Amino acid sequence: MAFNGTWKIDRNENYEKFMEAMGINVMKRKLGAHDNLKITIQQDGNKFTVKESSNFRTIDIEFTLGVNFEYSLADGTELTGSWNMEGNKLAGSFTRKDNGKVLTAYREVVGDELVQTYIYEGVEAKRIFKRD
């Protein structure tokens, strides 16, 4: 339940390089790096409700650990995959529908921060959030 709460983006590490590896054009990368993302997470056992709001969109996502679901990134990239718990962190494995390549994501609470790590084609990026 440590994930519960509202988290506001504080800083990014290597995020533009990650977006470039994902094939996101330079204009969308510049906008994406400054999206003012806010995430609200509510966990109830194995069920999660996540609300993502940014300058570009607001989306509600519901998922159950270990159950595949479909999701589209802000740039329109469509994915299918699932989240699982690995110790105290959420570990996600998502396959792109357009090219079959895998995007790995992790969410973990470190101190008073929510750290999201993304790995795609060997490029790793982090987005660090503070409780709002």
C-alpha atoms as a PDB file:
ATOM      1  CA  MET A   1       0.000   0.000   0.000  1.00  0.00           C
ATOM      2  CA  ALA A   2       3.063   2.235   0.010  1.00  0.00           C
ATOM      3  CA  PHE A   3       2.149   3.260  -3.549  1.00  0.00           C
ATOM      4  CA  ASN A   4      -1.154   4.835  -2.451  1.00  0.00           C
ATOM      5  CA  GLY A   5      -1.313   8.578  -2.892  1.00  0.00           C
ATOM      6  CA  THR A   6      -0.769  11.318  -5.410  1.00  0.00           C
ATOM      7  CA  TRP A   7       2.680  11.753  -6.904  1.00  0.00           C
ATOM      8  CA  LYS A   8       3.923  14.742  -8.924  1.00  0.00           C
ATOM      9  CA  ILE A   9       6.878  14.562 -11.307  1.00  0.00           C
ATOM     10  CA  ASP A  10      10.012  16.072  -9.769  1.00  0.00           C
ATOM     11  CA  ARG A  11      12.792  15.166 -12.214  1.00  0.00           C
ATOM     12  CA  ASN A  12      13.836  12.883 -15.067  1.00  0.00           C
ATOM     13  CA  GLU A  13      17.041  10.954 -15.702  1.00  0.00           C
ATOM     14  CA  ASN A  14      17.904   9.999 -19.304  1.00  0.00           C
ATOM     15  CA  TYR A  15      14.225  10.352 -20.275  1.00  0.00           C
ATOM     16  CA  GLU A  16      14.808  12.105 -23.616  1.00  0.00           C
ATOM     17  CA  LYS A  17      17.256   9.370 -24.688  1.00  0.00           C
ATOM     18  CA  PHE A  18      14.669   6.743 -23.724  1.00  0.00           C
ATOM     19  CA  MET A  19      11.934   8.498 -25.729  1.00  0.00           C
ATOM     20  CA  GLU A  20      14.315   8.686 -28.693  1.00  0.00           C
ATOM     21  CA  ALA A  21      14.909   4.898 -28.459  1.00  0.00           C
ATOM     22  CA  MET A  22      11.111   4.452 -28.413  1.00  0.00           C
ATOM     23  CA  GLY A  23      10.944   6.308 -31.737  1.00  0.00           C
ATOM     24  CA  ILE A  24       9.225   9.433 -30.409  1.00  0.00           C
ATOM     25  CA  ASN A  25       9.921  12.494 -32.581  1.00  0.00           C
ATOM     26  CA  VAL A  26      11.979  15.402 -31.272  1.00  0.00           C
ATOM     27  CA  MET A  27       9.000  17.742 -30.785  1.00  0.00           C
ATOM     28  CA  LYS A  28       7.070  15.199 -28.706  1.00  0.00           C
ATOM     29  CA  ARG A  29      10.253  14.406 -26.733  1.00  0.00           C
ATOM     30  CA  LYS A  30      10.665  18.074 -25.778  1.00  0.00           C
ATOM     31  CA  LEU A  31       7.015  18.281 -24.712  1.00  0.00           C
ATOM     32  CA  GLY A  32       7.136  14.899 -22.943  1.00  0.00           C
ATOM     33  CA  ALA A  33      10.105  15.913 -20.819  1.00  0.00           C
ATOM     34  CA  HIS A  34       7.987  18.763 -19.376  1.00  0.00           C
ATOM     35  CA  ASP A  35       4.552  17.146 -19.145  1.00  0.00           C
ATOM     36  CA  ASN A  36       3.871  17.998 -15.451  1.00  0.00           C
ATOM     37  CA  LEU A  37       2.754  14.393 -14.933  1.00  0.00           C
ATOM     38  CA  LYS A  38       0.790  13.634 -11.790  1.00  0.00           C
ATOM     39  CA  ILE A  39      -0.046  10.050 -10.846  1.00  0.00           C
ATOM     40  CA  THR A  40      -2.651   8.992  -8.301  1.00  0.00           C
ATOM     41  CA  ILE A  41      -2.363   5.357  -7.209  1.00  0.00           C
ATOM     42  CA  GLN A  42      -4.907   3.414  -5.186  1.00  0.00           C
ATOM     43  CA  GLN A  43      -4.084  -0.198  -4.293  1.00  0.00           C
ATOM     44  CA  ASP A  44      -6.673  -2.630  -2.960  1.00  0.00           C
ATOM     45  CA  GLY A  45      -4.961  -5.998  -2.557  1.00  0.00           C
ATOM     46  CA  ASN A  46      -3.952  -7.133  -6.066  1.00  0.00           C
ATOM     47  CA  LYS A  47      -6.068  -4.474  -7.792  1.00  0.00           C
ATOM     48  CA  PHE A  48      -4.696  -1.071  -8.711  1.00  0.00           C
ATOM     49  CA  THR A  49      -6.395   2.057  -9.972  1.00  0.00           C
ATOM     50  CA  VAL A  50      -4.018   4.610 -11.468  1.00  0.00           C
ATOM     51  CA  LYS A  51      -4.951   8.066 -12.711  1.00  0.00           C
ATOM     52  CA  GLU A  52      -2.345   9.781 -14.874  1.00  0.00           C
ATOM     53  CA  SER A  53      -2.826  13.478 -15.590  1.00  0.00           C
ATOM     54  CA  SER A  54      -0.445  15.587 -17.631  1.00  0.00           C
ATOM     55  CA  ASN A  55      -0.487  18.612 -19.904  1.00  0.00           C
ATOM     56  CA  PHE A  56      -1.608  16.277 -22.715  1.00  0.00           C
ATOM     57  CA  ARG A  57      -4.158  13.874 -21.309  1.00  0.00           C
ATOM     58  CA  THR A  58      -5.855  12.379 -18.288  1.00  0.00           C
ATOM     59  CA  ILE A  59      -6.338   8.628 -18.267  1.00  0.00           C
ATOM     60  CA  ASP A  60      -7.646   6.127 -15.736  1.00  0.00           C
ATOM     61  CA  ILE A  61      -6.018   2.694 -15.708  1.00  0.00           C
ATOM     62  CA  GLU A  62      -7.234  -0.296 -13.739  1.00  0.00           C
ATOM     63  CA  PHE A  63      -5.243  -3.483 -13.518  1.00  0.00           C
ATOM     64  CA  THR A  64      -4.875  -6.604 -11.439  1.00  0.00           C
ATOM     65  CA  LEU A  65      -1.407  -7.986 -10.710  1.00  0.00           C
ATOM     66  CA  GLY A  66      -0.477 -10.730 -13.164  1.00  0.00           C
ATOM     67  CA  VAL A  67      -3.375 -10.035 -15.555  1.00  0.00           C
ATOM     68  CA  ASN A  68      -2.632  -8.734 -19.067  1.00  0.00           C
ATOM     69  CA  PHE A  69      -4.237  -5.468 -20.119  1.00  0.00           C
ATOM     70  CA  GLU A  70      -3.896  -2.991 -22.977  1.00  0.00           C
ATOM     71  CA  TYR A  71      -2.475   0.494 -22.563  1.00  0.00           C
ATOM     72  CA  SER A  72      -1.456   3.310 -24.874  1.00  0.00           C
ATOM     73  CA  LEU A  73       1.341   5.771 -24.170  1.00  0.00           C
ATOM     74  CA  ALA A  74       0.769   9.526 -24.498  1.00  0.00           C
ATOM     75  CA  ASP A  75       2.283   9.417 -28.016  1.00  0.00           C
ATOM     76  CA  GLY A  76      -0.217   6.743 -29.113  1.00  0.00           C
ATOM     77  CA  THR A  77       2.111   3.709 -28.879  1.00  0.00           C
ATOM     78  CA  GLU A  78      -0.069   0.727 -27.986  1.00  0.00           C
ATOM     79  CA  LEU A  79       1.151  -1.899 -25.525  1.00  0.00           C
ATOM     80  CA  THR A  80      -0.110  -5.078 -23.935  1.00  0.00           C
ATOM     81  CA  GLY A  81       1.307  -6.609 -20.776  1.00  0.00           C
ATOM     82  CA  SER A  82       0.995  -6.848 -17.022  1.00  0.00           C
ATOM     83  CA  TRP A  83       2.356  -5.661 -13.687  1.00  0.00           C
ATOM     84  CA  ASN A  84       3.582  -8.030 -10.964  1.00  0.00           C
ATOM     85  CA  MET A  85       5.086  -7.508  -7.524  1.00  0.00           C
ATOM     86  CA  GLU A  86       8.800  -8.254  -7.101  1.00  0.00           C
ATOM     87  CA  GLY A  87       9.479  -7.699  -3.429  1.00  0.00           C
ATOM     88  CA  ASN A  88       8.415  -4.113  -2.702  1.00  0.00           C
ATOM     89  CA  LYS A  89       8.392  -2.974  -6.332  1.00  0.00           C
ATOM     90  CA  LEU A  90       5.941  -3.207  -9.183  1.00  0.00           C
ATOM     91  CA  ALA A  91       7.528  -4.818 -12.243  1.00  0.00           C
ATOM     92  CA  GLY A  92       5.833  -4.451 -15.602  1.00  0.00           C
ATOM     93  CA  SER A  93       6.543  -6.159 -18.891  1.00  0.00           C
ATOM     94  CA  PHE A  94       4.783  -4.669 -21.913  1.00  0.00           C
ATOM     95  CA  THR A  95       4.991  -5.642 -25.579  1.00  0.00           C
ATOM     96  CA  ARG A  96       4.571  -2.999 -28.254  1.00  0.00           C
ATOM     97  CA  LYS A  97       1.804  -3.879 -30.695  1.00  0.00           C
ATOM     98  CA  ASP A  98       3.549  -2.167 -33.624  1.00  0.00           C
ATOM     99  CA  ASN A  99       6.921  -3.949 -33.492  1.00  0.00           C
ATOM    100  CA  GLY A 100       6.727  -6.684 -30.825  1.00  0.00           C
ATOM    101  CA  LYS A 101       9.574  -5.185 -28.780  1.00  0.00           C
ATOM    102  CA  VAL A 102       9.396  -5.270 -24.975  1.00  0.00           C
ATOM    103  CA  LEU A 103       9.256  -2.275 -22.661  1.00  0.00           C
ATOM    104  CA  THR A 104      10.121  -3.091 -19.043  1.00  0.00           C
ATOM    105  CA  ALA A 105       8.965  -0.760 -16.282  1.00  0.00           C
ATOM    106  CA  TYR A 106       9.412  -0.655 -12.522  1.00  0.00           C
ATOM    107  CA  ARG A 107       7.719   1.431  -9.846  1.00  0.00           C
ATOM    108  CA  GLU A 108       9.105   1.557  -6.339  1.00  0.00           C
ATOM    109  CA  VAL A 109       8.853   3.859  -3.358  1.00  0.00           C
ATOM    110  CA  VAL A 110      12.298   4.963  -2.179  1.00  0.00           C
ATOM    111  CA  GLY A 111      12.112   7.163   0.908  1.00  0.00           C
ATOM    112  CA  ASP A 112       9.534   9.825   0.084  1.00  0.00           C
ATOM    113  CA  GLU A 113       9.844   9.370  -3.681  1.00  0.00           C
ATOM    114  CA  LEU A 114       8.179   7.170  -6.280  1.00  0.00           C
ATOM    115  CA  VAL A 115      10.808   6.051  -8.783  1.00  0.00           C
ATOM    116  CA  GLN A 116       9.641   4.808 -12.167  1.00  0.00           C
ATOM    117  CA  THR A 117      12.320   3.083 -14.218  1.00  0.00           C
ATOM    118  CA  TYR A 118      11.846   2.291 -17.915  1.00  0.00           C
ATOM    119  CA  ILE A 119      14.058   0.036 -20.018  1.00  0.00           C
ATOM    120  CA  TYR A 120      13.675  -0.237 -23.787  1.00  0.00           C
ATOM    121  CA  GLU A 121      16.243  -1.542 -26.280  1.00  0.00           C
ATOM    122  CA  GLY A 122      18.986  -1.272 -23.639  1.00  0.00           C
ATOM    123  CA  VAL A 123      18.219   2.363 -22.777  1.00  0.00           C
ATOM    124  CA  GLU A 124      17.258   2.986 -19.151  1.00  0.00           C
ATOM    125  CA  ALA A 125      15.489   6.090 -17.875  1.00  0.00           C
ATOM    126  CA  LYS A 126      14.006   7.164 -14.575  1.00  0.00           C
ATOM    127  CA  ARG A 127      11.173   9.509 -13.664  1.00  0.00           C
ATOM    128  CA  ILE A 128      11.198  10.517 -10.013  1.00  0.00           C
ATOM    129  CA  PHE A 129       8.008  11.729  -8.292  1.00  0.00           C
ATOM    130  CA  LYS A 130       7.365  13.418  -4.952  1.00  0.00           C
ATOM    131  CA  ARG A 131       4.210  13.024  -2.880  1.00  0.00           C
ATOM    132  CA  ASP A 132       1.795  15.813  -3.728  1.00  0.00           C
END
